[in-house]
Amino acid sequence: MLPCRPGCPSYQEGCHKTCPQWQLFQEEQRAQRQAKKAYLQFHNALCAQVVRQCRAIQCRRLSW
């Protein structure tokens, strides 16, 4: 559902394609998705590094 449909007084079918409010909303959503993606990539790399470090210091059983 389009976010402007229930509250926009100048809503018409298909107006979201040229609506500046809709384009601004899309840009904000795009920026938010990029920020979330960067956050997840950073923390994924950080957690992977911690896991590698923990595995490196584990006691290993000698194989016979």
C-alpha atoms as a PDB file:
ATOM      1  CA  MET A   1       0.000   0.000   0.000  1.00  0.00           C
ATOM      2  CA  LEU A   2       1.254   3.442  -0.827  1.00  0.00           C
ATOM      3  CA  PRO A   3       1.998   5.545   2.248  1.00  0.00           C
ATOM      4  CA  CYS A   4       0.310   8.659   0.827  1.00  0.00           C
ATOM      5  CA  ARG A   5      -2.957   6.950  -0.050  1.00  0.00           C
ATOM      6  CA  PRO A   6      -4.842   7.413   3.262  1.00  0.00           C
ATOM      7  CA  GLY A   7      -3.517  10.839   4.212  1.00  0.00           C
ATOM      8  CA  CYS A   8      -2.769  12.735   1.014  1.00  0.00           C
ATOM      9  CA  PRO A   9      -5.467  15.242   0.007  1.00  0.00           C
ATOM     10  CA  SER A  10      -4.199  15.350  -3.587  1.00  0.00           C
ATOM     11  CA  TYR A  11      -4.032  11.575  -4.084  1.00  0.00           C
ATOM     12  CA  GLN A  12      -4.944  10.253  -7.521  1.00  0.00           C
ATOM     13  CA  GLU A  13      -4.358   6.823  -8.998  1.00  0.00           C
ATOM     14  CA  GLY A  14      -0.779   6.643 -10.249  1.00  0.00           C
ATOM     15  CA  CYS A  15       0.303   9.998  -8.824  1.00  0.00           C
ATOM     16  CA  HIS A  16       3.046   8.362  -6.746  1.00  0.00           C
ATOM     17  CA  LYS A  17       5.208   8.097  -9.859  1.00  0.00           C
ATOM     18  CA  THR A  18       5.686  11.864  -9.990  1.00  0.00           C
ATOM     19  CA  CYS A  19       4.913  12.814  -6.386  1.00  0.00           C
ATOM     20  CA  PRO A  20       7.851  14.555  -4.653  1.00  0.00           C
ATOM     21  CA  GLN A  21       6.708  13.266  -1.248  1.00  0.00           C
ATOM     22  CA  TRP A  22       6.740   9.689  -2.558  1.00  0.00           C
ATOM     23  CA  GLN A  23      10.194  10.156  -4.099  1.00  0.00           C
ATOM     24  CA  LEU A  24      11.489  11.600  -0.821  1.00  0.00           C
ATOM     25  CA  PHE A  25       9.991   8.631   1.034  1.00  0.00           C
ATOM     26  CA  GLN A  26      11.716   6.239  -1.386  1.00  0.00           C
ATOM     27  CA  GLU A  27      15.075   8.008  -0.913  1.00  0.00           C
ATOM     28  CA  GLU A  28      14.726   7.811   2.872  1.00  0.00           C
ATOM     29  CA  GLN A  29      13.908   4.108   2.641  1.00  0.00           C
ATOM     30  CA  ARG A  30      16.890   3.521   0.339  1.00  0.00           C
ATOM     31  CA  ALA A  31      19.233   5.349   2.735  1.00  0.00           C
ATOM     32  CA  GLN A  32      17.847   3.402   5.687  1.00  0.00           C
ATOM     33  CA  ARG A  33      18.351   0.078   3.889  1.00  0.00           C
ATOM     34  CA  GLN A  34      21.934   1.020   2.991  1.00  0.00           C
ATOM     35  CA  ALA A  35      22.656   2.007   6.613  1.00  0.00           C
ATOM     36  CA  LYS A  36      21.243  -1.296   7.899  1.00  0.00           C
ATOM     37  CA  LYS A  37      23.251  -3.217   5.312  1.00  0.00           C
ATOM     38  CA  ALA A  38      26.484  -1.458   6.301  1.00  0.00           C
ATOM     39  CA  TYR A  39      25.743  -2.067   9.999  1.00  0.00           C
ATOM     40  CA  LEU A  40      25.117  -5.764   9.435  1.00  0.00           C
ATOM     41  CA  GLN A  41      28.196  -6.190   7.247  1.00  0.00           C
ATOM     42  CA  PHE A  42      30.405  -4.502   9.855  1.00  0.00           C
ATOM     43  CA  HIS A  43      29.096  -6.573  12.744  1.00  0.00           C
ATOM     44  CA  ASN A  44      29.119  -9.784  10.718  1.00  0.00           C
ATOM     45  CA  ALA A  45      32.824  -9.272   9.982  1.00  0.00           C
ATOM     46  CA  LEU A  46      33.494  -8.412  13.630  1.00  0.00           C
ATOM     47  CA  CYS A  47      31.696 -11.524  14.927  1.00  0.00           C
ATOM     48  CA  ALA A  48      33.439 -13.718  12.379  1.00  0.00           C
ATOM     49  CA  GLN A  49      36.788 -12.386  13.579  1.00  0.00           C
ATOM     50  CA  VAL A  50      35.924 -13.153  17.226  1.00  0.00           C
ATOM     51  CA  VAL A  51      34.834 -16.675  16.283  1.00  0.00           C
ATOM     52  CA  ARG A  52      38.116 -17.254  14.415  1.00  0.00           C
ATOM     53  CA  GLN A  53      40.087 -15.999  17.419  1.00  0.00           C
ATOM     54  CA  CYS A  54      38.166 -18.247  19.807  1.00  0.00           C
ATOM     55  CA  ARG A  55      38.745 -21.263  17.604  1.00  0.00           C
ATOM     56  CA  ALA A  56      42.440 -20.436  17.338  1.00  0.00           C
ATOM     57  CA  ILE A  57      42.955 -20.503  21.114  1.00  0.00           C
ATOM     58  CA  GLN A  58      40.912 -23.656  21.727  1.00  0.00           C
ATOM     59  CA  CYS A  59      42.646 -26.709  23.095  1.00  0.00           C
ATOM     60  CA  ARG A  60      43.031 -29.218  20.356  1.00  0.00           C
ATOM     61  CA  ARG A  61      43.096 -32.925  20.953  1.00  0.00           C
ATOM     62  CA  LEU A  62      46.058 -34.695  19.502  1.00  0.00           C
ATOM     63  CA  SER A  63      45.123 -37.226  16.882  1.00  0.00           C
ATOM     64  CA  TRP A  64      46.742 -40.674  17.203  1.00  0.00           C
END
